[in-house]
Every structure is written in C-alpha cells, then in structure tokens.
Amino acid sequence: MNLPNKITLSRIFLIPVFAVIFFIDAIPYNYFIACIIFIVAACTDFIDGHIARKYGLVTNLGKFLDPIADKVLVSTALILLLVRQEILTVLWSGEWVIVCAGICVAIILARELIVSGFRMVAASAGLVLAADKVGKIKTTFQDIAIAFLLAGANFFEILQASKVLNGIGLVALALATVLTIWSGIGYIVKNRAVLKESKE
C-alpha cells in the first residue's frame, strides 16, 4: 500500500476518534479537540491527492477510498452537529435555526448520494466522471462550516468570540448548501449523456 492510500486510511480511522471525543463531555473542551481532529482529517484529503498526482501514485484503491473517506467524514460531522443542537444555537436561538440547519444537511447529504449514484451508472458504462471546481469549493465551505461551528461551541466564557465563530460557521454552512445545489445540478447537466447511454 502506497503513502497516499495510507494517508487516506488515516482519515477513515480518525472519523470514529472524532465522534467519540465529540460525545465525551467529561473531556474539557471536547468540541474544540474534535474540531482539531476534524481539521487534521480534512487536511489529509488535500495531502493524499497532491502526493498521488505529483508522484504518479494514483491507484484504483485510492480512487475507491478517497471519496468514501471524504463523504463519511463530512456526513458524520454534520449529523453529529444536529444531534448536539446547542452547538448550532450559540449566536441565534430558536427552533428555526435547527430547522434551517437540518434542511442544509439534508440537501448536502442528498446531493452526495445522487452524485455517487450518478458515478456508479457512469462507471458501469466505462466512464470516469471528474469532480468539478464548484464541487471542490463546496467541500471547502463544508469543512469551514464544521470547523467554525465546533471551534465556537466550548468557549461560552468568551461569549462574543463564541458567537462570532458560530456566525461564521452558520454562514459557511448556508454558502456550502448553495454551492451544493449549484454543483449538483451542474454536474448532472454536464454529464447528462450518461443517463441516455444507460438506456441504450
């Protein structure tokens, strides 16, 4: 197993560590520690891809593991944020915040499932569909949203800083949702021939 694939596997192994730390309230600043773990895991996405392309280490295993690791990491983090609703209501309180966040998460997860299914159809036809730039920007905003929401969750003694971090996180989540819709529609429209081919 080459280095990029080992880095990808490390991202997968960090996911349960992230989840456990997130839920253990007995650990001081558990959300902030979970934030650091998430950032480290998210950064490995850029590192493994860069190394694989630079040194010609792209493998089928890497192509399989990398997108799965990304989607599971982000999906896990978003779902956990909905479970601990106090994280989402640092700046604005009220059920509407939870409802809006839930809708954003549902849209993000639905897009990932739809695009994954789309890629499976393409793969069955012998086609490889590359990720577009909007999709990569969308992923960046998702990571920013999660990181800022987690970072602001433990610092209630510095309420103003906590509110600023939370506000940035919520805005980033909203932008990520818009980019998710944009990239999802663009991805399907650009590759719509895949569905036509599957009917032949």
Protein backbone atom coordinates (compact mmCIF):
# COMPACT_ATOMS: atom_id res chain seq x y z
CA MET A 1 0.00 0.00 0.00
CA ASN A 2 1.47 3.34 -1.05
CA LEU A 3 1.73 6.53 1.03
CA PRO A 4 -1.36 8.35 -0.35
CA ASN A 5 -3.56 5.35 0.43
CA LYS A 6 -2.12 5.13 3.95
CA ILE A 7 -2.96 8.80 4.45
CA THR A 8 -6.48 8.20 3.19
CA LEU A 9 -6.87 5.28 5.61
CA SER A 10 -5.68 7.51 8.44
CA ARG A 11 -8.55 9.87 7.61
CA ILE A 12 -11.01 6.99 7.89
CA PHE A 13 -9.52 5.89 11.23
CA LEU A 14 -9.80 9.45 12.57
CA ILE A 15 -13.57 9.51 11.99
CA PRO A 16 -14.52 7.28 14.98
CA VAL A 17 -11.94 9.08 17.12
CA PHE A 18 -13.59 12.37 16.17
CA ALA A 19 -17.05 11.02 17.02
CA VAL A 20 -16.00 9.61 20.41
CA ILE A 21 -14.25 12.82 21.51
CA PHE A 22 -17.26 14.83 20.32
CA PHE A 23 -19.60 12.98 22.69
CA ILE A 24 -17.40 12.73 25.81
CA ASP A 25 -18.40 15.85 27.70
CA ALA A 26 -16.16 14.87 30.61
CA ILE A 27 -13.18 15.86 28.47
CA PRO A 28 -12.51 19.60 28.82
CA TYR A 29 -13.12 21.43 25.55
CA ASN A 30 -14.16 18.21 23.82
CA TYR A 31 -15.75 20.08 20.92
CA PHE A 32 -12.57 22.07 20.32
CA ILE A 33 -10.47 18.89 20.41
CA ALA A 34 -12.93 17.29 17.98
CA CYS A 35 -12.52 20.40 15.80
CA ILE A 36 -8.72 19.90 15.67
CA ILE A 37 -9.17 16.22 14.79
CA PHE A 38 -11.63 17.16 12.05
CA ILE A 39 -9.26 19.77 10.59
CA VAL A 40 -6.38 17.27 10.58
CA ALA A 41 -8.58 14.67 8.89
CA ALA A 42 -9.87 17.19 6.32
CA CYS A 43 -6.32 18.32 5.50
CA THR A 44 -5.29 14.76 4.67
CA ASP A 45 -7.72 14.97 1.75
CA PHE A 46 -5.54 17.60 0.09
CA ILE A 47 -2.28 15.90 1.08
CA ASP A 48 -3.03 12.41 -0.24
CA GLY A 49 -4.37 13.73 -3.54
CA HIS A 50 -1.39 16.04 -4.05
CA ILE A 51 1.14 13.27 -3.37
CA ALA A 52 -0.70 10.76 -5.55
CA ARG A 53 -0.82 13.11 -8.54
CA LYS A 54 2.68 14.53 -8.12
CA TYR A 55 4.45 11.18 -7.86
CA GLY A 56 2.16 9.12 -10.09
CA LEU A 57 0.79 7.04 -7.22
CA VAL A 58 -2.86 7.09 -8.26
CA THR A 59 -4.37 3.63 -7.73
CA ASN A 60 -7.80 2.03 -8.02
CA LEU A 61 -7.79 1.54 -4.25
CA GLY A 62 -7.14 5.24 -3.78
CA LYS A 63 -9.91 6.15 -6.23
CA PHE A 64 -12.25 3.97 -4.19
CA LEU A 65 -11.21 5.02 -0.68
CA ASP A 66 -10.67 8.76 -1.12
CA PRO A 67 -14.22 9.88 -2.00
CA ILE A 68 -15.68 7.49 0.58
CA ALA A 69 -13.42 8.89 3.32
CA ASP A 70 -14.39 12.46 2.40
CA LYS A 71 -18.11 11.80 2.35
CA VAL A 72 -18.15 9.77 5.57
CA LEU A 73 -16.09 12.39 7.42
CA VAL A 74 -18.30 15.32 6.40
CA SER A 75 -21.55 13.38 6.76
CA THR A 76 -20.62 12.18 10.23
CA ALA A 77 -19.68 15.68 11.37
CA LEU A 78 -22.88 17.25 10.01
CA ILE A 79 -25.12 14.63 11.60
CA LEU A 80 -23.35 14.97 14.96
CA LEU A 81 -23.84 18.73 14.86
CA LEU A 82 -27.60 18.20 14.50
CA VAL A 83 -27.57 15.81 17.46
CA ARG A 84 -25.99 18.43 19.72
CA GLN A 85 -28.31 21.31 18.92
CA GLU A 86 -26.72 23.69 21.44
CA ILE A 87 -23.75 23.97 19.06
CA LEU A 88 -25.98 25.49 16.39
CA THR A 89 -27.74 27.99 18.63
CA VAL A 90 -24.84 29.93 20.16
CA LEU A 91 -25.48 33.06 18.09
CA TRP A 92 -29.17 32.70 17.27
CA SER A 93 -31.54 30.73 19.47
CA GLY A 94 -34.79 29.24 18.33
CA GLU A 95 -36.13 26.18 16.59
CA TRP A 96 -35.81 27.89 13.21
CA VAL A 97 -32.02 27.62 13.41
CA ILE A 98 -32.22 23.85 13.89
CA VAL A 99 -34.79 23.52 11.11
CA CYS A 100 -32.65 25.53 8.66
CA ALA A 101 -29.52 23.61 9.61
CA GLY A 102 -31.39 20.33 9.20
CA ILE A 103 -32.55 21.33 5.73
CA CYS A 104 -28.99 22.31 4.78
CA VAL A 105 -27.63 18.97 5.99
CA ALA A 106 -30.39 17.05 4.18
CA ILE A 107 -29.60 18.85 0.92
CA ILE A 108 -25.86 18.22 1.29
CA LEU A 109 -26.33 14.52 2.03
CA ALA A 110 -28.90 14.10 -0.75
CA ARG A 111 -26.52 15.67 -3.27
CA GLU A 112 -23.73 13.30 -2.27
CA LEU A 113 -26.00 10.28 -2.65
CA ILE A 114 -27.30 11.43 -6.03
CA VAL A 115 -23.84 12.19 -7.42
CA SER A 116 -22.48 8.89 -6.07
CA GLY A 117 -25.29 7.03 -7.82
CA PHE A 118 -24.60 9.02 -10.97
CA ARG A 119 -20.95 7.99 -10.86
CA MET A 120 -21.92 4.35 -10.39
CA VAL A 121 -24.02 4.48 -13.55
CA ALA A 122 -21.13 6.12 -15.39
CA ALA A 123 -18.68 3.51 -14.10
CA SER A 124 -20.93 0.70 -15.33
CA ALA A 125 -20.70 2.29 -18.77
CA GLY A 126 -16.91 2.50 -18.53
CA LEU A 127 -16.85 6.25 -17.95
CA VAL A 128 -14.96 8.19 -15.28
CA LEU A 129 -16.51 11.49 -14.20
CA ALA A 130 -14.09 14.01 -12.71
CA ALA A 131 -15.08 16.33 -9.89
CA ASP A 132 -15.69 19.92 -10.96
CA LYS A 133 -14.24 23.09 -9.42
CA VAL A 134 -17.54 24.16 -7.85
CA GLY A 135 -17.74 20.80 -6.10
CA LYS A 136 -14.27 21.28 -4.62
CA ILE A 137 -15.17 24.78 -3.42
CA LYS A 138 -18.34 23.33 -1.91
CA THR A 139 -16.30 20.81 0.04
CA THR A 140 -14.03 23.59 1.32
CA PHE A 141 -17.01 25.58 2.62
CA GLN A 142 -18.44 22.46 4.26
CA ASP A 143 -15.15 21.92 6.09
CA ILE A 144 -15.01 25.59 7.12
CA ALA A 145 -18.58 25.47 8.43
CA ILE A 146 -17.99 22.36 10.52
CA ALA A 147 -14.66 23.61 11.87
CA PHE A 148 -16.01 27.01 12.95
CA LEU A 149 -19.18 25.58 14.49
CA LEU A 150 -17.10 23.15 16.55
CA ALA A 151 -14.48 25.76 17.45
CA GLY A 152 -17.08 28.12 18.90
CA ALA A 153 -19.01 25.52 20.87
CA ASN A 154 -16.88 25.32 24.04
CA PHE A 155 -15.96 28.93 24.66
CA PHE A 156 -19.10 30.22 26.35
CA GLU A 157 -16.96 32.08 28.90
CA ILE A 158 -15.82 34.20 25.96
CA LEU A 159 -19.33 34.58 24.61
CA GLN A 160 -18.59 37.21 21.99
CA ALA A 161 -15.82 35.12 20.39
CA SER A 162 -18.06 32.05 20.52
CA LYS A 163 -20.85 33.93 18.77
CA VAL A 164 -18.51 35.20 16.04
CA LEU A 165 -17.19 31.69 15.35
CA ASN A 166 -20.72 30.29 15.36
CA GLY A 167 -21.95 33.00 12.99
CA ILE A 168 -19.12 32.32 10.53
CA GLY A 169 -19.90 28.62 10.71
CA LEU A 170 -23.61 29.10 10.01
CA VAL A 171 -22.94 31.46 7.09
CA ALA A 172 -20.41 28.99 5.67
CA LEU A 173 -22.98 26.19 6.02
CA ALA A 174 -25.53 28.26 4.10
CA LEU A 175 -22.99 29.02 1.35
CA ALA A 176 -21.98 25.36 1.24
CA THR A 177 -25.64 24.45 0.71
CA VAL A 178 -26.00 26.90 -2.18
CA LEU A 179 -22.80 25.58 -3.74
CA THR A 180 -24.05 22.03 -3.16
CA ILE A 181 -27.20 22.70 -5.18
CA TRP A 182 -25.24 24.56 -7.87
CA SER A 183 -22.56 21.89 -8.23
CA GLY A 184 -25.07 19.04 -8.12
CA ILE A 185 -27.25 20.46 -10.88
CA GLY A 186 -24.21 21.45 -12.94
CA TYR A 187 -22.66 18.02 -12.53
CA ILE A 188 -25.75 16.19 -13.75
CA VAL A 189 -26.45 18.62 -16.61
CA LYS A 190 -22.84 18.45 -17.81
CA ASN A 191 -22.83 14.66 -17.73
CA ARG A 192 -26.46 14.02 -18.70
CA ALA A 193 -25.31 11.84 -21.61
CA VAL A 194 -24.51 9.16 -19.05
CA LEU A 195 -28.21 8.59 -18.38
CA LYS A 196 -29.00 8.49 -22.08
CA GLU A 197 -26.29 5.93 -22.67
CA SER A 198 -27.56 3.75 -19.83
CA LYS A 199 -30.92 3.41 -21.58
CA GLU A 200 -29.48 2.03 -24.79
